[in-house]
N, C-alpha and C. Protein backbone atom coordinates (compact mmCIF):
# COMPACT_ATOMS: atom_id res chain seq x y z
N MET A 1 109.30 98.20 116.40
CA MET A 1 107.68 98.11 116.57
C MET A 1 107.87 99.55 116.61
N ASN A 2 106.02 98.99 115.69
CA ASN A 2 105.02 100.52 115.11
C ASN A 2 104.88 101.38 116.59
N LEU A 3 105.86 102.44 116.25
CA LEU A 3 104.64 103.37 117.45
C LEU A 3 103.34 103.55 117.21
N HIS A 4 102.77 103.58 115.56
CA HIS A 4 101.01 103.24 115.82
C HIS A 4 100.60 102.99 115.72
N SER A 5 101.35 101.65 116.67
CA SER A 5 100.47 100.15 116.65
C SER A 5 99.96 100.18 118.50
N LYS A 6 100.08 101.15 119.03
CA LYS A 6 99.84 101.74 120.09
C LYS A 6 99.55 102.57 120.63
N ASN A 7 99.11 102.69 119.50
CA ASN A 7 98.17 103.66 120.15
C ASN A 7 98.28 105.29 120.99
N LEU A 8 99.42 105.32 120.43
CA LEU A 8 100.29 106.74 120.78
C LEU A 8 99.60 108.11 120.22
N PHE A 9 99.05 108.64 120.06
CA PHE A 9 98.78 109.57 119.27
C PHE A 9 97.04 109.72 119.42
N LYS A 10 96.83 110.21 120.96
CA LYS A 10 95.50 109.73 121.46
C LYS A 10 95.09 111.57 120.36
N TYR A 11 96.67 112.23 120.79
CA TYR A 11 96.12 113.88 119.79
C TYR A 11 97.52 114.13 118.82
N ASN A 12 96.73 115.72 117.66
CA ASN A 12 97.35 115.54 117.25
C ASN A 12 98.10 116.91 116.64
N GLU A 13 98.38 117.90 118.14
CA GLU A 13 98.51 118.73 118.54
C GLU A 13 100.03 118.27 119.77
N ILE A 14 101.51 118.96 119.43
CA ILE A 14 102.60 119.10 120.74
C ILE A 14 102.73 119.97 121.03
N VAL A 15 103.33 119.53 122.18
CA VAL A 15 104.10 121.20 122.68
C VAL A 15 105.90 120.28 122.45
N ILE A 16 106.66 120.16 121.19
CA ILE A 16 107.96 120.34 121.77
C ILE A 16 108.47 121.15 122.93
N ASP A 17 109.72 120.65 122.86
CA ASP A 17 110.76 121.21 124.29
C ASP A 17 112.57 121.17 123.15
N THR A 18 113.31 120.79 123.49
CA THR A 18 114.47 121.79 123.77
C THR A 18 114.87 120.67 122.43
N GLY A 19 115.14 119.99 123.42
CA GLY A 19 116.38 118.13 122.83
C GLY A 19 115.54 117.81 121.36
N PRO A 20 114.43 118.34 122.15
CA PRO A 20 113.76 117.33 119.91
C PRO A 20 113.65 118.17 119.38
N LEU A 21 112.87 119.20 120.05
CA LEU A 21 113.36 120.72 118.77
C LEU A 21 115.28 121.01 118.12
N LEU A 22 115.51 120.05 119.12
CA LEU A 22 117.57 120.67 118.45
C LEU A 22 117.73 119.02 117.31
N VAL A 23 116.87 118.29 117.85
CA VAL A 23 116.74 116.49 116.63
C VAL A 23 116.49 117.40 115.90
N ILE A 24 114.75 117.65 115.97
CA ILE A 24 114.95 117.56 114.28
C ILE A 24 115.55 118.71 113.51
N LEU A 25 115.53 120.45 114.22
CA LEU A 25 116.44 120.89 113.11
C LEU A 25 117.70 120.63 112.39
N ALA A 26 117.96 119.29 114.12
CA ALA A 26 119.45 119.49 113.60
C ALA A 26 119.91 118.67 113.30
N GLY A 27 119.46 117.70 112.63
CA GLY A 27 118.62 116.67 111.49
C GLY A 27 118.23 116.51 109.72
N LEU A 28 117.91 118.02 109.73
CA LEU A 28 117.17 118.54 108.57
C LEU A 28 118.33 119.23 107.47
N TYR A 29 118.90 120.13 108.80
CA TYR A 29 120.05 120.17 108.09
C TYR A 29 120.99 120.11 107.76
N GLY A 30 121.59 118.37 108.53
CA GLY A 30 122.39 117.77 107.82
C GLY A 30 123.83 118.29 108.06
N HIS A 31 124.41 117.62 107.32
CA HIS A 31 126.27 118.50 107.91
C HIS A 31 126.92 117.97 108.63
N ASN A 32 125.94 117.02 109.10
CA ASN A 32 126.82 115.70 110.74
C ASN A 32 126.18 116.55 111.69
N THR A 33 125.28 117.70 111.63
CA THR A 33 125.13 118.86 112.16
C THR A 33 124.34 118.06 114.14
N ILE A 34 124.26 116.94 114.10
CA ILE A 34 123.47 116.35 115.24
C ILE A 34 124.40 115.98 115.75
N THR A 35 125.27 115.32 115.62
CA THR A 35 126.52 114.86 116.38
C THR A 35 126.86 115.93 117.45
N LYS A 36 126.86 116.95 117.12
CA LYS A 36 127.60 118.30 117.81
C LYS A 36 126.57 118.08 118.94
N PHE A 37 125.49 118.14 119.24
CA PHE A 37 124.39 118.33 119.89
C PHE A 37 124.00 116.63 120.62
N SER A 38 125.01 116.22 120.62
CA SER A 38 124.78 114.41 121.14
C SER A 38 124.00 113.54 120.84
N TYR A 39 123.72 113.20 119.44
CA TYR A 39 122.05 112.89 119.28
C TYR A 39 122.52 112.07 117.94
N SER A 40 122.24 110.96 117.26
CA SER A 40 122.42 110.67 115.87
C SER A 40 121.18 110.39 115.03
N ASN A 41 121.66 110.33 114.32
CA ASN A 41 120.42 110.28 113.20
C ASN A 41 119.73 109.25 113.28
N ASP A 42 120.14 108.38 114.03
CA ASP A 42 118.17 107.29 114.66
C ASP A 42 117.72 108.06 115.71
N ASP A 43 118.14 108.91 115.82
CA ASP A 43 117.45 109.15 117.46
C ASP A 43 116.50 110.47 116.39
N PHE A 44 117.09 111.57 115.84
CA PHE A 44 116.00 111.96 114.75
C PHE A 44 115.54 111.14 113.82
N LYS A 45 115.66 110.26 112.84
CA LYS A 45 114.83 109.29 112.21
C LYS A 45 113.43 108.94 113.32
N ILE A 46 114.62 108.75 114.67
CA ILE A 46 112.63 108.18 115.58
C ILE A 46 111.61 109.24 115.20
N LEU A 47 111.71 110.28 115.47
CA LEU A 47 111.17 111.52 116.16
C LEU A 47 110.30 111.93 115.54
N LYS A 48 111.29 111.68 114.11
CA LYS A 48 110.74 111.63 112.75
C LYS A 48 109.35 111.23 111.77
N GLU A 49 110.01 109.95 112.05
CA GLU A 49 108.29 108.58 112.35
C GLU A 49 107.33 109.43 113.88
N PHE A 50 107.55 109.65 114.56
CA PHE A 50 106.67 110.01 115.90
C PHE A 50 105.99 111.46 114.90
N LEU A 51 106.24 112.12 114.77
CA LEU A 51 106.03 113.24 114.31
C LEU A 51 104.87 113.05 112.97
N LYS A 52 104.83 112.48 113.02
CA LYS A 52 104.45 111.36 111.55
C LYS A 52 102.97 112.32 111.53
N ASN A 53 102.01 111.96 111.88
CA ASN A 53 100.93 112.36 112.41
C ASN A 53 100.81 113.50 113.41
N VAL A 54 101.69 114.10 114.18
CA VAL A 54 100.83 115.20 114.78
C VAL A 54 101.25 116.97 113.96
N SER A 55 99.94 117.36 112.96
CA SER A 55 99.18 118.37 112.46
C SER A 55 100.16 119.65 113.75
N ARG A 56 100.33 120.27 113.67
CA ARG A 56 100.22 121.32 114.74
C ARG A 56 102.05 121.24 116.38
N ILE A 57 102.57 121.65 115.86
CA ILE A 57 103.87 121.31 116.72
C ILE A 57 103.93 122.94 117.15
N PHE A 58 103.69 123.21 118.91
CA PHE A 58 103.98 124.68 119.40
C PHE A 58 105.13 124.85 120.03
N ILE A 59 105.80 125.38 120.05
CA ILE A 59 107.15 125.95 120.59
C ILE A 59 107.76 127.55 121.11
N THR A 60 107.46 127.20 122.90
CA THR A 60 108.01 128.54 123.38
C THR A 60 108.43 129.47 122.18
N PRO A 61 108.51 130.48 123.24
CA PRO A 61 109.54 131.35 123.06
C PRO A 61 110.32 131.33 124.49
N GLN A 62 110.44 130.70 125.60
CA GLN A 62 111.54 130.04 126.20
C GLN A 62 112.09 128.99 125.54
N VAL A 63 111.62 128.36 124.82
CA VAL A 63 112.37 127.05 124.04
C VAL A 63 112.78 127.73 123.07
N LEU A 64 112.58 128.04 121.77
CA LEU A 64 113.49 129.09 121.10
C LEU A 64 114.31 130.14 121.20
N ALA A 65 114.74 130.33 123.09
CA ALA A 65 115.91 131.18 123.31
C ALA A 65 116.33 130.16 123.39
N GLU A 66 116.19 129.27 123.65
CA GLU A 66 117.12 128.15 124.53
C GLU A 66 117.82 127.11 123.41
N VAL A 67 116.80 126.85 122.13
CA VAL A 67 117.85 126.29 121.04
C VAL A 67 118.49 127.90 120.65
N SER A 68 118.52 129.04 120.21
CA SER A 68 119.37 129.31 118.86
C SER A 68 120.62 129.53 120.45
N ASN A 69 120.63 129.59 121.88
CA ASN A 69 121.88 130.09 122.48
C ASN A 69 122.48 128.00 122.37
N LEU A 70 121.50 127.19 122.86
CA LEU A 70 123.00 125.81 122.38
C LEU A 70 123.91 125.58 120.51
N VAL A 71 122.43 126.28 119.36
CA VAL A 71 123.40 126.20 118.89
C VAL A 71 124.22 127.39 118.36
N ASN A 72 124.37 128.44 118.60
CA ASN A 72 125.05 129.24 118.47
C ASN A 72 126.44 129.38 119.31
N THR A 73 126.57 128.49 120.48
CA THR A 73 127.60 127.57 120.46
C THR A 73 128.16 127.10 120.38
N LYS A 74 127.68 125.71 120.05
CA LYS A 74 127.49 124.57 118.75
C LYS A 74 128.40 124.72 117.68
N ILE A 75 127.48 125.28 117.28
CA ILE A 75 128.06 125.48 115.78
C ILE A 75 128.80 127.14 115.36
N GLU A 76 129.96 126.09 114.23
CA GLU A 76 130.77 127.39 114.58
C GLU A 76 129.70 129.07 112.81
N LYS A 77 129.90 129.49 113.26
CA LYS A 77 129.45 131.31 113.26
C LYS A 77 129.35 131.98 112.06
N GLU A 78 129.34 131.50 111.49
CA GLU A 78 129.96 131.45 109.59
C GLU A 78 128.29 130.30 109.19
N PHE A 79 128.22 129.14 110.38
CA PHE A 79 126.93 129.07 109.73
C PHE A 79 125.76 128.70 110.27
N PHE A 80 125.52 129.30 111.82
CA PHE A 80 124.77 129.60 112.96
C PHE A 80 123.74 130.77 111.52
N TYR A 81 124.20 131.09 111.03
CA TYR A 81 122.62 131.83 109.89
C TYR A 81 122.63 131.02 109.00
N ASP A 82 122.63 130.35 109.25
CA ASP A 82 122.71 128.85 107.70
C ASP A 82 122.05 128.05 107.93
N PHE A 83 121.83 127.66 109.75
CA PHE A 83 121.21 126.59 110.18
C PHE A 83 120.46 127.28 110.93
N ILE A 84 119.85 127.95 110.95
CA ILE A 84 119.02 128.82 111.79
C ILE A 84 117.92 129.28 110.46
N TYR A 85 118.13 129.44 109.55
CA TYR A 85 117.27 130.39 108.61
C TYR A 85 116.92 128.92 107.27
N SER A 86 117.71 127.82 107.52
CA SER A 86 117.44 126.50 106.03
C SER A 86 116.78 126.57 105.83
């Protein structure tokens, strides 16, 4: 099913929550990091397709803090900086 065929994109701006943000970051980072958060590469591909026509993504400070805490507990310390700033 093509996500765009059902007119799911009434708006081109969204607010993103912790889970989807983790999928995006881990999918972009690679190194099989996505599986450390109980997601798959298919989840990343679907989300990437969904976000293709979104022009602006809003992230609240609370979501950023939660993502940072989750990444800090799941990613080895030496890779934390690389993951966050890559």
